Amino acid sequence: MRTHRCVAAAVAAAGIGIIANMAEAAEIKVLSSAAFREAYNELVPAFEHASGHKVSTTWAGTVDIMKRMQADERFDLIIMSRQGLEELIARGKVAAGSRVDLAKSGVGIAVRAGAPKPDVGSTEALKRTLMAAKSIGYSTGPSGVYLAGLFQRMGIADAIQPKVKQAPPGVAVGSLIVNGEAEIGFQQVSELILYPGIDYVGPLPPEIQEITVFAAGVPASGENREPARALVDFLTAPAAVPLIKSKGLEPG
């Protein structure tokens, strides 16, 4: 609660202008991928307290977000990878010019809590670790798409394919690690570092790291555009930066 009060006070003091009359309060419906969740879940209550708006959030994987938007489900704000959001803009599902970058994250590596941490300090070390691993997990989101191509470039895709377990859309790779389906798992750093029951090993080696930018955009059919933009202003306020960094992300 102290964090919420401090963030709300700092944002209001910055003059962002999000404070709304309670008579004008709106319910902002957000559809979001999970990479920004930890920071978002601490910032949103502060926004609600400061603005009087109510935020209703649906969490989904990238594949599901694309399907929901293609089906014209109604939301006021979309949060997902910048690449995915740009695709929705190109399709006319998200308003052109509404994209705001929120944060960025690299791909991280984790194992079950208490398990020996493998050597992943270089590309060759990671390659040896993957070849020796009994099972490997990654997501269907941006990090999973990148890893599938990376393993091809490393020349190990065919060798490790029988050991690969891909998390279903919207399912955390951490859950595969906890239940024993994956000895080692890969996902956005922000989705691994605070997941219970696993130990974060570290990021991909710098020479093969992939940084994904997560962004927000207002759907073309959104009904609460100004409240949605006020929420984006809050999430990108300077006062929110320390909290965003504490969750394994860098401001966008």
C-alpha atoms as a PDB file:
ATOM      1  CA  MET A   1       0.000   0.000   0.000  1.00  0.00           C
ATOM      2  CA  ARG A   2       2.826   2.396   0.731  1.00  0.00           C
ATOM      3  CA  THR A   3       4.154   1.847  -2.813  1.00  0.00           C
ATOM      4  CA  HIS A   4       0.717   2.598  -4.242  1.00  0.00           C
ATOM      5  CA  ARG A   5       0.357   5.827  -2.266  1.00  0.00           C
ATOM      6  CA  CYS A   6       3.851   7.015  -3.180  1.00  0.00           C
ATOM      7  CA  VAL A   7       3.405   6.319  -6.898  1.00  0.00           C
ATOM      8  CA  ALA A   8      -0.030   7.941  -6.975  1.00  0.00           C
ATOM      9  CA  ALA A   9       1.229  11.040  -5.188  1.00  0.00           C
ATOM     10  CA  ALA A  10       4.295  11.348  -7.397  1.00  0.00           C
ATOM     11  CA  VAL A  11       2.313  10.983 -10.618  1.00  0.00           C
ATOM     12  CA  ALA A  12      -0.302  13.478  -9.498  1.00  0.00           C
ATOM     13  CA  ALA A  13       2.454  15.907  -8.505  1.00  0.00           C
ATOM     14  CA  ALA A  14       4.000  15.544 -11.959  1.00  0.00           C
ATOM     15  CA  GLY A  15       0.874  17.175 -13.370  1.00  0.00           C
ATOM     16  CA  ILE A  16      -0.053  14.397 -15.789  1.00  0.00           C
ATOM     17  CA  GLY A  17      -3.697  15.311 -15.344  1.00  0.00           C
ATOM     18  CA  ILE A  18      -5.180  11.903 -14.721  1.00  0.00           C
ATOM     19  CA  ILE A  19      -7.291  12.882 -11.749  1.00  0.00           C
ATOM     20  CA  ALA A  20     -10.891  12.488 -12.837  1.00  0.00           C
ATOM     21  CA  ASN A  21     -14.161  13.557 -11.264  1.00  0.00           C
ATOM     22  CA  MET A  22     -15.857  10.506  -9.782  1.00  0.00           C
ATOM     23  CA  ALA A  23     -18.954  11.313 -11.844  1.00  0.00           C
ATOM     24  CA  GLU A  24     -16.842  10.786 -14.951  1.00  0.00           C
ATOM     25  CA  ALA A  25     -15.281   7.538 -13.753  1.00  0.00           C
ATOM     26  CA  ALA A  26     -15.060   4.808 -16.384  1.00  0.00           C
ATOM     27  CA  GLU A  27     -14.331   1.093 -16.478  1.00  0.00           C
ATOM     28  CA  ILE A  28     -11.229   0.599 -18.614  1.00  0.00           C
ATOM     29  CA  LYS A  29     -11.121  -2.864 -20.153  1.00  0.00           C
ATOM     30  CA  VAL A  30      -7.533  -3.968 -20.776  1.00  0.00           C
ATOM     31  CA  LEU A  31      -6.307  -6.989 -22.739  1.00  0.00           C
ATOM     32  CA  SER A  32      -2.680  -7.691 -21.886  1.00  0.00           C
ATOM     33  CA  SER A  33       0.101 -10.219 -22.257  1.00  0.00           C
ATOM     34  CA  ALA A  34       1.845 -11.319 -19.071  1.00  0.00           C
ATOM     35  CA  ALA A  35       5.313  -9.814 -19.507  1.00  0.00           C
ATOM     36  CA  PHE A  36       4.261  -6.492 -17.935  1.00  0.00           C
ATOM     37  CA  ARG A  37       2.007  -8.081 -15.289  1.00  0.00           C
ATOM     38  CA  GLU A  38       4.115  -7.740 -12.127  1.00  0.00           C
ATOM     39  CA  ALA A  39       4.674  -4.014 -12.554  1.00  0.00           C
ATOM     40  CA  TYR A  40       1.155  -3.458 -13.859  1.00  0.00           C
ATOM     41  CA  ASN A  41      -0.469  -5.168 -10.874  1.00  0.00           C
ATOM     42  CA  GLU A  42       1.225  -2.755  -8.483  1.00  0.00           C
ATOM     43  CA  LEU A  43       0.683   0.375 -10.556  1.00  0.00           C
ATOM     44  CA  VAL A  44      -2.977  -0.093 -11.468  1.00  0.00           C
ATOM     45  CA  PRO A  45      -4.392   0.140  -7.919  1.00  0.00           C
ATOM     46  CA  ALA A  46      -2.540   3.438  -7.553  1.00  0.00           C
ATOM     47  CA  PHE A  47      -4.048   4.652 -10.812  1.00  0.00           C
ATOM     48  CA  GLU A  48      -7.531   3.634  -9.718  1.00  0.00           C
ATOM     49  CA  HIS A  49      -7.087   5.450  -6.418  1.00  0.00           C
ATOM     50  CA  ALA A  50      -5.791   8.612  -8.095  1.00  0.00           C
ATOM     51  CA  SER A  51      -8.228   8.746 -11.019  1.00  0.00           C
ATOM     52  CA  GLY A  52     -11.462   7.185  -9.818  1.00  0.00           C
ATOM     53  CA  HIS A  53     -11.483   4.915 -12.869  1.00  0.00           C
ATOM     54  CA  LYS A  54     -11.877   1.146 -12.586  1.00  0.00           C
ATOM     55  CA  VAL A  55      -9.515  -1.127 -14.524  1.00  0.00           C
ATOM     56  CA  SER A  56     -10.656  -4.596 -15.604  1.00  0.00           C
ATOM     57  CA  THR A  57      -7.845  -6.724 -17.013  1.00  0.00           C
ATOM     58  CA  THR A  58      -7.895  -9.873 -19.128  1.00  0.00           C
ATOM     59  CA  TRP A  59      -4.562 -11.716 -19.342  1.00  0.00           C
ATOM     60  CA  ALA A  60      -3.826 -13.649 -22.504  1.00  0.00           C
ATOM     61  CA  GLY A  61      -0.974 -14.948 -24.614  1.00  0.00           C
ATOM     62  CA  THR A  62      -0.002 -13.292 -27.866  1.00  0.00           C
ATOM     63  CA  VAL A  63      -1.863 -15.858 -29.991  1.00  0.00           C
ATOM     64  CA  ASP A  64      -5.055 -15.380 -27.992  1.00  0.00           C
ATOM     65  CA  ILE A  65      -4.776 -11.574 -28.105  1.00  0.00           C
ATOM     66  CA  MET A  66      -4.543 -11.673 -31.882  1.00  0.00           C
ATOM     67  CA  LYS A  67      -7.578 -13.992 -32.105  1.00  0.00           C
ATOM     68  CA  ARG A  68      -9.664 -11.853 -29.754  1.00  0.00           C
ATOM     69  CA  MET A  69      -8.886  -8.680 -31.645  1.00  0.00           C
ATOM     70  CA  GLN A  70      -9.564 -10.333 -34.993  1.00  0.00           C
ATOM     71  CA  ALA A  71     -12.951 -11.379 -33.588  1.00  0.00           C
ATOM     72  CA  ASP A  72     -13.632  -7.723 -32.678  1.00  0.00           C
ATOM     73  CA  GLU A  73     -13.916  -8.280 -28.934  1.00  0.00           C
ATOM     74  CA  ARG A  74     -14.283  -4.937 -27.175  1.00  0.00           C
ATOM     75  CA  PHE A  75     -11.392  -3.577 -25.111  1.00  0.00           C
ATOM     76  CA  ASP A  76     -10.172  -0.082 -24.316  1.00  0.00           C
ATOM     77  CA  LEU A  77      -6.437  -0.809 -24.186  1.00  0.00           C
ATOM     78  CA  ILE A  78      -4.146  -3.521 -25.548  1.00  0.00           C
ATOM     79  CA  ILE A  79      -0.735  -4.297 -24.042  1.00  0.00           C
ATOM     80  CA  MET A  80       1.545  -6.713 -25.892  1.00  0.00           C
ATOM     81  CA  SER A  81       4.780  -6.876 -27.857  1.00  0.00           C
ATOM     82  CA  ARG A  82       5.383  -3.877 -30.082  1.00  0.00           C
ATOM     83  CA  GLN A  83       5.618  -6.165 -33.102  1.00  0.00           C
ATOM     84  CA  GLY A  84       2.221  -7.689 -32.385  1.00  0.00           C
ATOM     85  CA  LEU A  85       0.667  -4.302 -31.712  1.00  0.00           C
ATOM     86  CA  GLU A  86       2.015  -2.953 -34.988  1.00  0.00           C
ATOM     87  CA  GLU A  87       0.383  -5.890 -36.760  1.00  0.00           C
ATOM     88  CA  LEU A  88      -2.948  -4.986 -35.155  1.00  0.00           C
ATOM     89  CA  ILE A  89      -2.467  -1.365 -36.234  1.00  0.00           C
ATOM     90  CA  ALA A  90      -1.823  -2.541 -39.794  1.00  0.00           C
ATOM     91  CA  ARG A  91      -5.057  -4.570 -39.673  1.00  0.00           C
ATOM     92  CA  GLY A  92      -6.998  -1.542 -38.442  1.00  0.00           C
ATOM     93  CA  LYS A  93      -7.769  -3.138 -35.078  1.00  0.00           C
ATOM     94  CA  VAL A  94      -5.703  -0.643 -33.056  1.00  0.00           C
ATOM     95  CA  ALA A  95      -5.796   3.078 -33.762  1.00  0.00           C
ATOM     96  CA  ALA A  96      -2.851   4.413 -35.743  1.00  0.00           C
ATOM     97  CA  GLY A  97      -0.739   6.798 -33.674  1.00  0.00           C
ATOM     98  CA  SER A  98      -1.934   5.375 -30.341  1.00  0.00           C
ATOM     99  CA  ARG A  99       1.062   3.105 -29.671  1.00  0.00           C
ATOM    100  CA  VAL A 100       3.141   3.971 -26.598  1.00  0.00           C
ATOM    101  CA  ASP A 101       6.148   1.852 -25.616  1.00  0.00           C
ATOM    102  CA  LEU A 102       5.956   0.801 -21.961  1.00  0.00           C
ATOM    103  CA  ALA A 103       8.935  -1.403 -21.185  1.00  0.00           C
ATOM    104  CA  LYS A 104      11.421  -3.846 -22.641  1.00  0.00           C
ATOM    105  CA  SER A 105      12.715  -7.203 -21.552  1.00  0.00           C
ATOM    106  CA  GLY A 106      15.287  -9.734 -22.651  1.00  0.00           C
ATOM    107  CA  VAL A 107      14.916 -13.516 -22.665  1.00  0.00           C
ATOM    108  CA  GLY A 108      15.805 -15.217 -19.404  1.00  0.00           C
ATOM    109  CA  ILE A 109      16.580 -18.754 -18.263  1.00  0.00           C
ATOM    110  CA  ALA A 110      15.321 -20.605 -15.192  1.00  0.00           C
ATOM    111  CA  VAL A 111      15.407 -23.993 -13.487  1.00  0.00           C
ATOM    112  CA  ARG A 112      13.433 -25.566 -10.674  1.00  0.00           C
ATOM    113  CA  ALA A 113      14.090 -24.070  -7.240  1.00  0.00           C
ATOM    114  CA  GLY A 114      17.116 -25.706  -5.636  1.00  0.00           C
ATOM    115  CA  ALA A 115      18.334 -27.382  -8.833  1.00  0.00           C
ATOM    116  CA  PRO A 116      21.949 -26.814  -9.929  1.00  0.00           C
ATOM    117  CA  LYS A 117      22.249 -23.710 -12.067  1.00  0.00           C
ATOM    118  CA  PRO A 118      23.705 -24.617 -15.477  1.00  0.00           C
ATOM    119  CA  ASP A 119      26.406 -22.701 -17.304  1.00  0.00           C
ATOM    120  CA  VAL A 120      24.719 -20.299 -19.731  1.00  0.00           C
ATOM    121  CA  GLY A 121      27.411 -17.627 -19.809  1.00  0.00           C
ATOM    122  CA  SER A 122      28.237 -17.973 -23.501  1.00  0.00           C
ATOM    123  CA  THR A 123      26.637 -19.326 -26.643  1.00  0.00           C
ATOM    124  CA  GLU A 124      28.803 -22.453 -26.563  1.00  0.00           C
ATOM    125  CA  ALA A 125      28.065 -23.027 -22.875  1.00  0.00           C
ATOM    126  CA  LEU A 126      24.348 -22.654 -23.494  1.00  0.00           C
ATOM    127  CA  LYS A 127      24.562 -25.063 -26.413  1.00  0.00           C
ATOM    128  CA  ARG A 128      26.219 -27.689 -24.198  1.00  0.00           C
ATOM    129  CA  THR A 129      23.610 -27.135 -21.491  1.00  0.00           C
ATOM    130  CA  LEU A 130      20.747 -27.595 -23.928  1.00  0.00           C
ATOM    131  CA  MET A 131      22.224 -30.737 -25.406  1.00  0.00           C
ATOM    132  CA  ALA A 132      22.603 -32.193 -21.908  1.00  0.00           C
ATOM    133  CA  ALA A 133      19.190 -31.129 -20.621  1.00  0.00           C
ATOM    134  CA  LYS A 134      16.495 -33.774 -20.265  1.00  0.00           C
ATOM    135  CA  SER A 135      13.701 -31.362 -21.192  1.00  0.00           C
ATOM    136  CA  ILE A 136      13.438 -27.764 -22.409  1.00  0.00           C
ATOM    137  CA  GLY A 137      10.515 -25.371 -22.135  1.00  0.00           C
ATOM    138  CA  TYR A 138       9.688 -22.126 -23.884  1.00  0.00           C
ATOM    139  CA  SER A 139       6.594 -20.100 -24.724  1.00  0.00           C
ATOM    140  CA  THR A 140       4.413 -19.478 -27.742  1.00  0.00           C
ATOM    141  CA  GLY A 141       5.000 -15.730 -27.319  1.00  0.00           C
ATOM    142  CA  PRO A 142       7.745 -13.500 -28.735  1.00  0.00           C
ATOM    143  CA  SER A 143      10.519 -15.215 -26.767  1.00  0.00           C
ATOM    144  CA  GLY A 144       9.438 -18.644 -28.002  1.00  0.00           C
ATOM    145  CA  VAL A 145       9.325 -17.513 -31.612  1.00  0.00           C
ATOM    146  CA  TYR A 146      12.826 -16.083 -31.248  1.00  0.00           C
ATOM    147  CA  LEU A 147      14.191 -19.203 -29.537  1.00  0.00           C
ATOM    148  CA  ALA A 148      12.899 -21.524 -32.238  1.00  0.00           C
ATOM    149  CA  GLY A 149      14.901 -19.548 -34.785  1.00  0.00           C
ATOM    150  CA  LEU A 150      17.897 -19.261 -32.471  1.00  0.00           C
ATOM    151  CA  PHE A 151      18.102 -23.024 -31.990  1.00  0.00           C
ATOM    152  CA  GLN A 152      18.038 -23.425 -35.763  1.00  0.00           C
ATOM    153  CA  ARG A 153      20.928 -20.956 -36.129  1.00  0.00           C
ATOM    154  CA  MET A 154      22.842 -22.746 -33.372  1.00  0.00           C
ATOM    155  CA  GLY A 155      22.481 -25.985 -35.332  1.00  0.00           C
ATOM    156  CA  ILE A 156      20.772 -27.903 -32.513  1.00  0.00           C
ATOM    157  CA  ALA A 157      17.073 -27.623 -33.369  1.00  0.00           C
ATOM    158  CA  ASP A 158      16.694 -31.164 -34.683  1.00  0.00           C
ATOM    159  CA  ALA A 159      18.732 -32.700 -31.875  1.00  0.00           C
ATOM    160  CA  ILE A 160      16.751 -31.065 -29.065  1.00  0.00           C
ATOM    161  CA  GLN A 161      13.282 -31.148 -30.670  1.00  0.00           C
ATOM    162  CA  PRO A 162      12.214 -34.389 -28.894  1.00  0.00           C
ATOM    163  CA  LYS A 163      12.983 -32.688 -25.565  1.00  0.00           C
ATOM    164  CA  VAL A 164      11.142 -29.433 -26.239  1.00  0.00           C
ATOM    165  CA  LYS A 165       7.889 -28.630 -24.438  1.00  0.00           C
ATOM    166  CA  GLN A 166       6.139 -25.468 -25.578  1.00  0.00           C
ATOM    167  CA  ALA A 167       3.823 -23.843 -23.058  1.00  0.00           C
ATOM    168  CA  PRO A 168       0.253 -23.365 -24.332  1.00  0.00           C
ATOM    169  CA  PRO A 169      -0.733 -19.762 -25.074  1.00  0.00           C
ATOM    170  CA  GLY A 170      -1.089 -17.779 -21.861  1.00  0.00           C
ATOM    171  CA  VAL A 171       0.601 -20.454 -19.712  1.00  0.00           C
ATOM    172  CA  ALA A 172       3.780 -19.479 -17.875  1.00  0.00           C
ATOM    173  CA  VAL A 173       6.911 -21.457 -18.674  1.00  0.00           C
ATOM    174  CA  GLY A 174       7.579 -21.363 -14.936  1.00  0.00           C
ATOM    175  CA  SER A 175       4.678 -23.767 -14.458  1.00  0.00           C
ATOM    176  CA  LEU A 176       6.354 -26.299 -16.778  1.00  0.00           C
ATOM    177  CA  ILE A 177       9.518 -26.068 -14.703  1.00  0.00           C
ATOM    178  CA  VAL A 178       7.695 -26.440 -11.390  1.00  0.00           C
ATOM    179  CA  ASN A 179       5.726 -29.512 -12.469  1.00  0.00           C
ATOM    180  CA  GLY A 180       8.768 -31.216 -13.964  1.00  0.00           C
ATOM    181  CA  GLU A 181       7.837 -30.940 -17.640  1.00  0.00           C
ATOM    182  CA  ALA A 182      10.883 -28.765 -18.327  1.00  0.00           C
ATOM    183  CA  GLU A 183      14.274 -29.098 -16.652  1.00  0.00           C
ATOM    184  CA  ILE A 184      15.266 -25.711 -18.051  1.00  0.00           C
ATOM    185  CA  GLY A 185      12.955 -22.994 -19.304  1.00  0.00           C
ATOM    186  CA  PHE A 186      13.115 -19.772 -21.304  1.00  0.00           C
ATOM    187  CA  GLN A 187      10.802 -16.773 -21.255  1.00  0.00           C
ATOM    188  CA  GLN A 188      10.896 -13.002 -20.793  1.00  0.00           C
ATOM    189  CA  VAL A 189      13.015 -12.154 -17.726  1.00  0.00           C
ATOM    190  CA  SER A 190      10.063 -10.334 -16.153  1.00  0.00           C
ATOM    191  CA  GLU A 191       7.989 -13.522 -16.321  1.00  0.00           C
ATOM    192  CA  LEU A 192      10.623 -15.667 -14.605  1.00  0.00           C
ATOM    193  CA  ILE A 193      12.332 -13.686 -11.855  1.00  0.00           C
ATOM    194  CA  LEU A 194       9.363 -13.618  -9.464  1.00  0.00           C
ATOM    195  CA  TYR A 195       7.682 -16.905 -10.399  1.00  0.00           C
ATOM    196  CA  PRO A 196       7.350 -19.146  -7.318  1.00  0.00           C
ATOM    197  CA  GLY A 197       9.108 -22.501  -7.271  1.00  0.00           C
ATOM    198  CA  ILE A 198      11.845 -21.702  -9.783  1.00  0.00           C
ATOM    199  CA  ASP A 199      15.305 -20.136  -9.680  1.00  0.00           C
ATOM    200  CA  TYR A 200      16.246 -17.512 -12.228  1.00  0.00           C
ATOM    201  CA  VAL A 201      19.600 -18.458 -13.775  1.00  0.00           C
ATOM    202  CA  GLY A 202      20.233 -15.343 -15.864  1.00  0.00           C
ATOM    203  CA  PRO A 203      19.635 -13.803 -19.294  1.00  0.00           C
ATOM    204  CA  LEU A 204      20.675 -15.221 -22.628  1.00  0.00           C
ATOM    205  CA  PRO A 205      24.305 -14.435 -23.434  1.00  0.00           C
ATOM    206  CA  PRO A 206      24.631 -10.885 -24.804  1.00  0.00           C
ATOM    207  CA  GLU A 207      25.698 -12.022 -28.266  1.00  0.00           C
ATOM    208  CA  ILE A 208      22.412 -13.895 -28.792  1.00  0.00           C
ATOM    209  CA  GLN A 209      20.047 -11.865 -26.608  1.00  0.00           C
ATOM    210  CA  GLU A 210      16.759 -10.608 -28.021  1.00  0.00           C
ATOM    211  CA  ILE A 211      15.084  -7.555 -26.507  1.00  0.00           C
ATOM    212  CA  THR A 212      11.314  -7.325 -26.853  1.00  0.00           C
ATOM    213  CA  VAL A 213       9.542  -4.011 -26.405  1.00  0.00           C
ATOM    214  CA  PHE A 214       6.079  -4.163 -24.862  1.00  0.00           C
ATOM    215  CA  ALA A 215       3.677  -1.425 -25.850  1.00  0.00           C
ATOM    216  CA  ALA A 216       0.150  -0.206 -25.290  1.00  0.00           C
ATOM    217  CA  GLY A 217      -2.344   0.815 -27.932  1.00  0.00           C
ATOM    218  CA  VAL A 218      -5.959   1.972 -28.027  1.00  0.00           C
ATOM    219  CA  PRO A 219      -8.296  -0.206 -30.119  1.00  0.00           C
ATOM    220  CA  ALA A 220      -9.989   1.534 -33.004  1.00  0.00           C
ATOM    221  CA  SER A 221     -13.334   0.488 -31.487  1.00  0.00           C
ATOM    222  CA  GLY A 222     -12.413   1.476 -27.919  1.00  0.00           C
ATOM    223  CA  GLU A 223     -15.129   3.374 -26.051  1.00  0.00           C
ATOM    224  CA  ASN A 224     -13.033   4.877 -23.231  1.00  0.00           C
ATOM    225  CA  ARG A 225     -10.131   6.385 -25.128  1.00  0.00           C
ATOM    226  CA  GLU A 226      -9.287   9.256 -22.805  1.00  0.00           C
ATOM    227  CA  PRO A 227      -9.326   7.132 -19.619  1.00  0.00           C
ATOM    228  CA  ALA A 228      -7.216   4.508 -21.452  1.00  0.00           C
ATOM    229  CA  ARG A 229      -4.689   7.173 -22.437  1.00  0.00           C
ATOM    230  CA  ALA A 230      -4.650   8.399 -18.832  1.00  0.00           C
ATOM    231  CA  LEU A 231      -3.745   4.880 -17.710  1.00  0.00           C
ATOM    232  CA  VAL A 232      -0.912   4.763 -20.251  1.00  0.00           C
ATOM    233  CA  ASP A 233       0.353   8.130 -18.984  1.00  0.00           C
ATOM    234  CA  PHE A 234       0.370   6.710 -15.470  1.00  0.00           C
ATOM    235  CA  LEU A 235       2.227   3.538 -16.468  1.00  0.00           C
ATOM    236  CA  THR A 236       4.912   5.569 -18.242  1.00  0.00           C
ATOM    237  CA  ALA A 237       5.305   8.296 -15.610  1.00  0.00           C
ATOM    238  CA  PRO A 238       8.835   8.872 -14.219  1.00  0.00           C
ATOM    239  CA  ALA A 239       7.554   7.898 -10.782  1.00  0.00           C
ATOM    240  CA  ALA A 240       6.829   4.382 -12.080  1.00  0.00           C
ATOM    241  CA  VAL A 241      10.364   3.743 -13.370  1.00  0.00           C
ATOM    242  CA  PRO A 242      11.916   2.300 -10.157  1.00  0.00           C
ATOM    243  CA  LEU A 243       9.056  -0.149  -9.755  1.00  0.00           C
ATOM    244  CA  ILE A 244       9.230  -1.229 -13.406  1.00  0.00           C
ATOM    245  CA  LYS A 245      12.975  -1.876 -13.071  1.00  0.00           C
ATOM    246  CA  SER A 246      12.413  -3.920  -9.903  1.00  0.00           C
ATOM    247  CA  LYS A 247      10.296  -6.346 -11.945  1.00  0.00           C
ATOM    248  CA  GLY A 248      13.036  -7.240 -14.433  1.00  0.00           C
ATOM    249  CA  LEU A 249      12.050  -4.668 -17.053  1.00  0.00           C
ATOM    250  CA  GLU A 250      13.545  -1.500 -18.441  1.00  0.00           C
ATOM    251  CA  PRO A 251      11.336   1.479 -19.279  1.00  0.00           C
ATOM    252  CA  GLY A 252      10.343   1.508 -22.938  1.00  0.00           C
END
